[in-house]
C-alpha atoms as a PDB file:
ATOM      1  CA  MET A   1       8.504  -7.845  15.141  1.00  0.00           C
ATOM      2  CA  VAL A   2       5.738 -10.311  14.603  1.00  0.00           C
ATOM      3  CA  ILE A   3       3.351  -7.754  16.535  1.00  0.00           C
ATOM      4  CA  VAL A   4       4.950  -4.437  13.908  1.00  0.00           C
ATOM      5  CA  VAL A   5       4.037  -7.261  11.146  1.00  0.00           C
ATOM      6  CA  MET A   6       0.482  -8.155  11.849  1.00  0.00           C
ATOM      7  CA  ILE A   7      -0.343  -4.262  12.495  1.00  0.00           C
ATOM      8  CA  ILE A   8       1.257  -3.675   9.055  1.00  0.00           C
ATOM      9  CA  MET A   9      -0.923  -6.499   7.339  1.00  0.00           C
ATOM     10  CA  ALA A  10      -4.333  -5.310   8.891  1.00  0.00           C
ATOM     11  CA  LEU A  11      -3.287  -1.910   7.454  1.00  0.00           C
ATOM     12  CA  VAL A  12      -3.067  -3.659   4.253  1.00  0.00           C
ATOM     13  CA  ILE A  13      -6.328  -4.891   4.145  1.00  0.00           C
ATOM     14  CA  PHE A  14      -7.580  -2.211   5.273  1.00  0.00           C
ATOM     15  CA  GLY A  15      -6.187   0.227   2.657  1.00  0.00           C
ATOM     16  CA  PHE A  16      -7.175  -2.059   0.301  1.00  0.00           C
ATOM     17  CA  VAL A  17     -11.245  -2.195   1.261  1.00  0.00           C
ATOM     18  CA  LEU A  18     -10.918   1.256   1.595  1.00  0.00           C
ATOM     19  CA  LYS A  19      -9.026   1.721  -1.883  1.00  0.00           C
ATOM     20  CA  MET A  20     -12.385  -0.331  -3.559  1.00  0.00           C
ATOM     21  CA  THR A  21     -14.587   2.469  -2.184  1.00  0.00           C
ATOM     22  CA  PHE A  22     -13.170   4.785  -4.860  1.00  0.00           C
ATOM     23  CA  LEU A  23     -14.361   1.771  -7.287  1.00  0.00           C
ATOM     24  CA  GLY A  24     -17.613   1.150  -8.675  1.00  0.00           C
ATOM     25  CA  LEU A  25     -19.585  -2.525  -7.713  1.00  0.00           C
ATOM     26  CA  ALA A  26     -18.191  -4.027 -11.256  1.00  0.00           C
ATOM     27  CA  GLY A  27     -14.689  -2.596 -10.065  1.00  0.00           C
ATOM     28  CA  ARG A  28     -14.932  -3.946  -7.149  1.00  0.00           C
ATOM     29  CA  LEU A  29     -15.739  -7.430  -7.551  1.00  0.00           C
ATOM     30  CA  ALA A  30     -13.518  -7.883 -10.374  1.00  0.00           C
ATOM     31  CA  MET A  31     -10.718  -6.894  -7.710  1.00  0.00           C
ATOM     32  CA  CYS A  32     -12.179  -9.098  -5.230  1.00  0.00           C
ATOM     33  CA  ALA A  33     -11.907 -12.010  -8.029  1.00  0.00           C
ATOM     34  CA  ALA A  34      -7.997 -11.512  -8.570  1.00  0.00           C
ATOM     35  CA  ALA A  35      -7.782 -11.575  -4.822  1.00  0.00           C
ATOM     36  CA  SER A  36      -9.641 -14.567  -4.316  1.00  0.00           C
ATOM     37  CA  LEU A  37      -8.288 -16.284  -7.172  1.00  0.00           C
ATOM     38  CA  SER A  38      -4.770 -15.576  -5.797  1.00  0.00           C
ATOM     39  CA  VAL A  39      -5.753 -17.778  -2.405  1.00  0.00           C
ATOM     40  CA  ILE A  40      -6.852 -20.559  -4.296  1.00  0.00           C
ATOM     41  CA  LEU A  41      -3.262 -20.603  -6.746  1.00  0.00           C
ATOM     42  CA  ALA A  42      -1.646 -20.586  -3.330  1.00  0.00           C
ATOM     43  CA  CYS A  43      -3.291 -23.138  -1.243  1.00  0.00           C
ATOM     44  CA  ASP A  44      -0.975 -25.961  -2.554  1.00  0.00           C
ATOM     45  CA  VAL A  45       2.248 -23.487  -1.441  1.00  0.00           C
ATOM     46  CA  ALA A  46       0.741 -22.740   2.067  1.00  0.00           C
ATOM     47  CA  ALA A  47      -0.239 -25.682   3.004  1.00  0.00           C
ATOM     48  CA  GLY A  48       3.331 -26.528   2.643  1.00  0.00           C
ATOM     49  CA  GLN A  49       4.937 -24.195   4.697  1.00  0.00           C
ATOM     50  CA  SER A  50       5.943 -24.791   8.679  1.00  0.00           C
ATOM     51  CA  LYS A  51       5.965 -21.756  11.776  1.00  0.00           C
ATOM     52  CA  ALA A  52       9.205 -22.623  12.160  1.00  0.00           C
ATOM     53  CA  GLN A  53      10.174 -21.743   8.616  1.00  0.00           C
ATOM     54  CA  ILE A  54       7.553 -18.383   8.604  1.00  0.00           C
ATOM     55  CA  ALA A  55       9.346 -17.788  11.989  1.00  0.00           C
ATOM     56  CA  ASP A  56      12.829 -17.836  10.652  1.00  0.00           C
ATOM     57  CA  TRP A  57      11.765 -15.138   7.911  1.00  0.00           C
ATOM     58  CA  LEU A  58      10.854 -13.098   9.913  1.00  0.00           C
ATOM     59  CA  ALA A  59      13.863 -12.667  11.730  1.00  0.00           C
ATOM     60  CA  ARG A  60      15.778 -12.660   8.396  1.00  0.00           C
ATOM     61  CA  PRO A  61      16.696  -8.976   7.701  1.00  0.00           C
ATOM     62  CA  GLU A  62      17.505  -9.444   4.054  1.00  0.00           C
ATOM     63  CA  LEU A  63      13.794 -10.461   3.742  1.00  0.00           C
ATOM     64  CA  MET A  64      12.687  -7.822   5.337  1.00  0.00           C
ATOM     65  CA  LEU A  65      14.263  -5.019   3.124  1.00  0.00           C
ATOM     66  CA  ASP A  66      12.911  -6.737   0.267  1.00  0.00           C
ATOM     67  CA  MET A  67       9.492  -6.466   2.093  1.00  0.00           C
ATOM     68  CA  SER A  68      10.191  -2.627   2.110  1.00  0.00           C
ATOM     69  CA  VAL A  69      10.936  -1.794  -1.605  1.00  0.00           C
ATOM     70  CA  TRP A  70       7.666  -3.492  -2.281  1.00  0.00           C
ATOM     71  CA  LEU A  71       5.796  -1.539   0.860  1.00  0.00           C
ATOM     72  CA  THR A  72       7.327   1.249  -0.812  1.00  0.00           C
ATOM     73  CA  VAL A  73       5.671   1.124  -4.392  1.00  0.00           C
ATOM     74  CA  ASP A  74       2.522   0.033  -3.018  1.00  0.00           C
ATOM     75  CA  VAL A  75       2.594   3.292  -0.709  1.00  0.00           C
ATOM     76  CA  ALA A  76       3.851   5.462  -3.880  1.00  0.00           C
ATOM     77  CA  PHE A  77       0.936   4.233  -6.066  1.00  0.00           C
ATOM     78  CA  HIS A  78      -1.564   4.802  -2.986  1.00  0.00           C
ATOM     79  CA  VAL A  79      -0.115   8.698  -1.981  1.00  0.00           C
ATOM     80  CA  VAL A  80      -0.357   9.512  -5.969  1.00  0.00           C
ATOM     81  CA  PHE A  81      -3.903   8.136  -6.339  1.00  0.00           C
ATOM     82  CA  CYS A  82      -4.714  10.330  -3.209  1.00  0.00           C
ATOM     83  CA  VAL A  83      -3.019  13.549  -4.912  1.00  0.00           C
ATOM     84  CA  MET A  84      -4.173  12.927  -8.185  1.00  0.00           C
ATOM     85  CA  ALA A  85      -8.076  12.556  -7.328  1.00  0.00           C
ATOM     86  CA  ALA A  86      -7.584  15.387  -4.901  1.00  0.00           C
ATOM     87  CA  LYS A  87      -5.881  17.533  -7.694  1.00  0.00           C
ATOM     88  CA  LEU A  88      -9.603  16.515  -9.737  1.00  0.00           C
ATOM     89  CA  LEU A  89     -11.772  17.387  -7.304  1.00  0.00           C
ATOM     90  CA  ALA A  90     -10.152  21.169  -7.223  1.00  0.00           C
ATOM     91  CA  GLY A  91     -10.625  21.395 -11.009  1.00  0.00           C
ATOM     92  CA  PRO A  92      -9.599  18.911 -14.386  1.00  0.00           C
ATOM     93  CA  LEU A  93      -6.451  17.014 -15.073  1.00  0.00           C
ATOM     94  CA  SER A  94      -4.733  17.010 -17.878  1.00  0.00           C
ATOM     95  CA  ARG A  95      -5.077  14.232 -20.370  1.00  0.00           C
ATOM     96  CA  CYS A  96      -1.405  12.753 -18.801  1.00  0.00           C
ATOM     97  CA  GLY A  97      -2.846  13.357 -14.919  1.00  0.00           C
ATOM     98  CA  SER A  98      -5.745  11.238 -15.973  1.00  0.00           C
ATOM     99  CA  VAL A  99      -4.181   8.313 -17.182  1.00  0.00           C
ATOM    100  CA  VAL A 100      -2.100   8.295 -13.870  1.00  0.00           C
ATOM    101  CA  LEU A 101      -5.134   8.702 -11.901  1.00  0.00           C
ATOM    102  CA  GLU A 102      -6.879   5.812 -13.504  1.00  0.00           C
ATOM    103  CA  VAL A 103      -3.835   3.373 -13.679  1.00  0.00           C
ATOM    104  CA  CYS A 104      -3.465   4.280  -9.716  1.00  0.00           C
ATOM    105  CA  ARG A 105      -7.203   3.885  -9.223  1.00  0.00           C
ATOM    106  CA  TRP A 106      -7.058   0.318 -10.649  1.00  0.00           C
ATOM    107  CA  PHE A 107      -3.750  -0.627  -9.132  1.00  0.00           C
ATOM    108  CA  PRO A 108      -4.679  -2.675  -6.183  1.00  0.00           C
ATOM    109  CA  GLY A 109      -1.453  -3.449  -4.036  1.00  0.00           C
ATOM    110  CA  VAL A 110       1.259  -5.729  -4.371  1.00  0.00           C
ATOM    111  CA  LEU A 111       1.077  -6.308  -0.496  1.00  0.00           C
ATOM    112  CA  VAL A 112      -2.193  -8.081  -0.551  1.00  0.00           C
ATOM    113  CA  PHE A 113      -1.573 -10.718  -1.943  1.00  0.00           C
ATOM    114  CA  PRO A 114       1.254 -12.027   0.656  1.00  0.00           C
ATOM    115  CA  VAL A 115      -0.692 -10.906   3.271  1.00  0.00           C
ATOM    116  CA  LEU A 116      -4.002 -13.107   1.920  1.00  0.00           C
ATOM    117  CA  PHE A 117      -1.011 -15.904   1.483  1.00  0.00           C
ATOM    118  CA  ALA A 118      -0.388 -15.252   5.058  1.00  0.00           C
ATOM    119  CA  VAL A 119      -4.191 -15.205   6.397  1.00  0.00           C
ATOM    120  CA  LEU A 120      -4.568 -18.499   4.571  1.00  0.00           C
ATOM    121  CA  THR A 121      -1.652 -19.880   6.264  1.00  0.00           C
ATOM    122  CA  GLU A 122      -2.432 -19.352   9.271  1.00  0.00           C
ATOM    123  CA  LEU A 123      -5.669 -20.621   8.560  1.00  0.00           C
ATOM    124  CA  ILE A 124      -4.723 -23.773   7.755  1.00  0.00           C
ATOM    125  CA  PHE A 125      -2.444 -24.136  10.867  1.00  0.00           C
ATOM    126  CA  SER A 126      -6.078 -23.026  12.964  1.00  0.00           C
ATOM    127  CA  LEU A 127      -8.015 -25.802  11.262  1.00  0.00           C
ATOM    128  CA  PRO A 128      -6.275 -29.071  11.577  1.00  0.00           C
ATOM    129  CA  GLY A 129      -8.354 -32.199   9.552  1.00  0.00           C
ATOM    130  CA  VAL A 130      -9.985 -29.515   7.318  1.00  0.00           C
ATOM    131  CA  ASP A 131      -9.260 -30.216   4.072  1.00  0.00           C
ATOM    132  CA  PHE A 132      -6.544 -27.334   2.919  1.00  0.00           C
ATOM    133  CA  ASP A 133      -8.755 -26.734  -0.630  1.00  0.00           C
ATOM    134  CA  THR A 134     -12.037 -25.962   1.476  1.00  0.00           C
ATOM    135  CA  ILE A 135     -10.302 -23.486   3.378  1.00  0.00           C
ATOM    136  CA  ALA A 136      -8.479 -21.952   0.253  1.00  0.00           C
ATOM    137  CA  ARG A 137     -12.102 -21.887  -1.861  1.00  0.00           C
ATOM    138  CA  SER A 138     -14.141 -20.539   1.593  1.00  0.00           C
ATOM    139  CA  LEU A 139     -11.657 -17.780   2.351  1.00  0.00           C
ATOM    140  CA  ALA A 140     -11.549 -17.002  -1.318  1.00  0.00           C
ATOM    141  CA  ALA A 141     -15.880 -17.025  -0.755  1.00  0.00           C
ATOM    142  CA  GLY A 142     -15.581 -14.636   1.988  1.00  0.00           C
ATOM    143  CA  LEU A 143     -13.241 -12.346   0.007  1.00  0.00           C
ATOM    144  CA  LEU A 144     -15.739 -11.917  -3.082  1.00  0.00           C
ATOM    145  CA  VAL A 145     -18.582 -11.501  -0.276  1.00  0.00           C
ATOM    146  CA  ALA A 146     -16.937  -9.504   2.671  1.00  0.00           C
ATOM    147  CA  VAL A 147     -14.894  -7.202   0.519  1.00  0.00           C
ATOM    148  CA  PRO A 148     -17.702  -5.370  -1.141  1.00  0.00           C
ATOM    149  CA  LEU A 149     -19.745  -5.146   1.819  1.00  0.00           C
ATOM    150  CA  LEU A 150     -17.125  -3.589   3.629  1.00  0.00           C
ATOM    151  CA  ALA A 151     -16.480  -1.263   1.423  1.00  0.00           C
ATOM    152  CA  ALA A 152     -20.075  -0.768   0.922  1.00  0.00           C
ATOM    153  CA  GLY A 153     -20.693   0.500   4.529  1.00  0.00           C
ATOM    154  CA  LEU A 154     -17.399   2.426   4.616  1.00  0.00           C
ATOM    155  CA  LEU A 155     -18.639   4.183   1.465  1.00  0.00           C
ATOM    156  CA  ARG A 156     -21.903   4.437   3.851  1.00  0.00           C
ATOM    157  CA  LEU A 157     -20.424   5.370   6.657  1.00  0.00           C
ATOM    158  CA  LEU A 158     -18.038   8.662   5.027  1.00  0.00           C
ATOM    159  CA  PRO A 159     -19.944   9.719   2.071  1.00  0.00           C
ATOM    160  CA  GLU A 160     -17.635  12.557   1.566  1.00  0.00           C
ATOM    161  CA  LYS A 161     -14.772  11.098  -0.852  1.00  0.00           C
ATOM    162  CA  GLU A 162     -11.971  14.006   0.584  1.00  0.00           C
ATOM    163  CA  LEU A 163     -12.176  12.020   3.711  1.00  0.00           C
ATOM    164  CA  ARG A 164     -11.938   9.077   2.308  1.00  0.00           C
ATOM    165  CA  LEU A 165      -8.633  10.147   0.899  1.00  0.00           C
ATOM    166  CA  GLU A 166      -7.140  11.378   3.512  1.00  0.00           C
ATOM    167  CA  LEU A 167      -8.154   8.516   5.982  1.00  0.00           C
ATOM    168  CA  LEU A 168      -5.981   6.660   2.410  1.00  0.00           C
ATOM    169  CA  PHE A 169      -3.499   8.749   3.060  1.00  0.00           C
ATOM    170  CA  MET A 170      -2.696   8.428   6.306  1.00  0.00           C
ATOM    171  CA  VAL A 171      -3.046   4.428   6.395  1.00  0.00           C
ATOM    172  CA  ASN A 172      -0.184   4.696   3.849  1.00  0.00           C
ATOM    173  CA  MET A 173       2.067   7.110   5.788  1.00  0.00           C
ATOM    174  CA  LEU A 174       1.429   4.953   8.987  1.00  0.00           C
ATOM    175  CA  THR A 175       1.782   1.763   6.777  1.00  0.00           C
ATOM    176  CA  VAL A 176       5.246   3.248   5.459  1.00  0.00           C
ATOM    177  CA  ALA A 177       6.360   4.364   9.357  1.00  0.00           C
ATOM    178  CA  LEU A 178       5.905   0.517  10.735  1.00  0.00           C
ATOM    179  CA  GLY A 179       7.351  -0.730   7.620  1.00  0.00           C
ATOM    180  CA  VAL A 180      10.997   1.270   8.685  1.00  0.00           C
ATOM    181  CA  VAL A 181      10.487  -0.218  11.908  1.00  0.00           C
ATOM    182  CA  ALA A 182      10.163  -3.410  10.600  1.00  0.00           C
ATOM    183  CA  THR A 183      12.906  -2.638   8.419  1.00  0.00           C
ATOM    184  CA  VAL A 184      15.382  -1.710  11.071  1.00  0.00           C
ATOM    185  CA  ASN A 185      14.413  -4.526  13.459  1.00  0.00           C
ATOM    186  CA  GLY A 186      16.513  -3.562  16.519  1.00  0.00           C
ATOM    187  CA  ARG A 187      19.590  -2.776  14.254  1.00  0.00           C
ATOM    188  CA  THR A 188      21.076   0.548  13.248  1.00  0.00           C
ATOM    189  CA  ALA A 189      22.102   1.750   9.895  1.00  0.00           C
ATOM    190  CA  ALA A 190      25.186   3.190  10.794  1.00  0.00           C
ATOM    191  CA  ALA A 191      27.461   3.508  13.762  1.00  0.00           C
ATOM    192  CA  GLY A 192      27.240   6.692  16.059  1.00  0.00           C
ATOM    193  CA  THR A 193      29.790   8.833  15.375  1.00  0.00           C
ATOM    194  CA  ASN A 194      30.621  12.765  16.461  1.00  0.00           C
ATOM    195  CA  GLU A 195      31.720  14.093  13.170  1.00  0.00           C
ATOM    196  CA  VAL A 196      29.976  15.651  11.114  1.00  0.00           C
ATOM    197  CA  ASP A 197      30.908  15.051   7.168  1.00  0.00           C
ATOM    198  CA  LEU A 198      31.309  18.387   5.497  1.00  0.00           C
ATOM    199  CA  CYS A 199      31.552  16.961   1.550  1.00  0.00           C
ATOM    200  CA  ALA A 200      28.467  15.230   2.591  1.00  0.00           C
ATOM    201  CA  LEU A 201      26.667  17.822   4.382  1.00  0.00           C
ATOM    202  CA  ALA A 202      27.319  20.418   1.307  1.00  0.00           C
ATOM    203  CA  ALA A 203      26.280  17.629  -0.929  1.00  0.00           C
ATOM    204  CA  VAL A 204      22.733  17.487   0.727  1.00  0.00           C
ATOM    205  CA  ALA A 205      22.388  21.492   0.683  1.00  0.00           C
ATOM    206  CA  SER A 206      23.123  21.400  -2.581  1.00  0.00           C
ATOM    207  CA  LEU A 207      20.813  18.927  -3.894  1.00  0.00           C
ATOM    208  CA  LEU A 208      17.454  20.879  -1.538  1.00  0.00           C
ATOM    209  CA  ALA A 209      18.726  23.678  -2.799  1.00  0.00           C
ATOM    210  CA  VAL A 210      18.518  22.857  -6.452  1.00  0.00           C
ATOM    211  CA  GLY A 211      15.019  20.730  -5.601  1.00  0.00           C
ATOM    212  CA  THR A 212      14.118  24.020  -4.485  1.00  0.00           C
ATOM    213  CA  ALA A 213      14.866  25.840  -7.593  1.00  0.00           C
ATOM    214  CA  ILE A 214      13.192  23.610  -9.755  1.00  0.00           C
ATOM    215  CA  GLY A 215      10.085  23.268  -7.399  1.00  0.00           C
ATOM    216  CA  VAL A 216      10.448  27.280  -7.758  1.00  0.00           C
ATOM    217  CA  VAL A 217      10.328  27.866 -11.290  1.00  0.00           C
ATOM    218  CA  LEU A 218       7.961  25.170 -12.055  1.00  0.00           C
ATOM    219  CA  ASN A 219       5.453  26.255  -9.673  1.00  0.00           C
ATOM    220  CA  LYS A 220       5.554  29.635 -11.313  1.00  0.00           C
ATOM    221  CA  TYR A 221       5.418  28.064 -15.097  1.00  0.00           C
ATOM    222  CA  LEU A 222       2.477  25.742 -14.201  1.00  0.00           C
ATOM    223  CA  THR A 223       1.104  28.747 -12.285  1.00  0.00           C
ATOM    224  CA  ARG A 224       1.076  30.940 -15.546  1.00  0.00           C
ATOM    225  CA  LYS A 225       0.117  28.068 -17.865  1.00  0.00           C
ATOM    226  CA  HIS A 226      -3.254  27.689 -15.708  1.00  0.00           C
ATOM    227  CA  ILE A 227      -3.930  31.413 -15.549  1.00  0.00           C
ATOM    228  CA  SER A 228      -3.133  31.860 -19.610  1.00  0.00           C
ATOM    229  CA  GLN A 229      -6.084  28.871 -20.007  1.00  0.00           C
ATOM    230  CA  ILE A 230      -8.454  30.884 -17.657  1.00  0.00           C
ATOM    231  CA  LYS A 231      -8.134  33.752 -19.866  1.00  0.00           C
END
């Protein structure tokens, strides 16, 4: 479980840095300043934690379920950003689409803040005798310097926006998959059974059929509208 959580934390940090490549220098500095400020403000709380308490948190299924909700919100915003940004590359967006794209672009993510809190806590445990405020300020300063540099390095390494969007999309898909593993935590969602609930199966099939029909009709309507606008 600890290894899975650590991998998720690494993916969240990498996704945060990768998201910075879609912002200008001022935007990167603003996001990093917000992250650094959260680290400084969380110093007192992080100093009061213990390894036993953190291990107890990781073993609590209820907390993992709550974190999975925030993880889903994070992934949803990033996936919508990837889709809208890719759509923008193919053509202009509507006014509503542009607003959604900008909101998702400037959404830093919810999980990056608890991940930074966990990093701060681990640094405090690893550096006994060092002033807590010094550790927090050093981490905050490191974020202000390292994240923009890493984002610039990724931008230089992957100048194609399409590749960076695909990478961000895949990182978030892997993150949500590992989130499912962390949520289950060795438990099964329901007891096994050999019986088939025909009513539930019919309900799911009906939902799929209705959703498919709505999607087909909506796609035809939007296609005709787009063709009429071109003419």
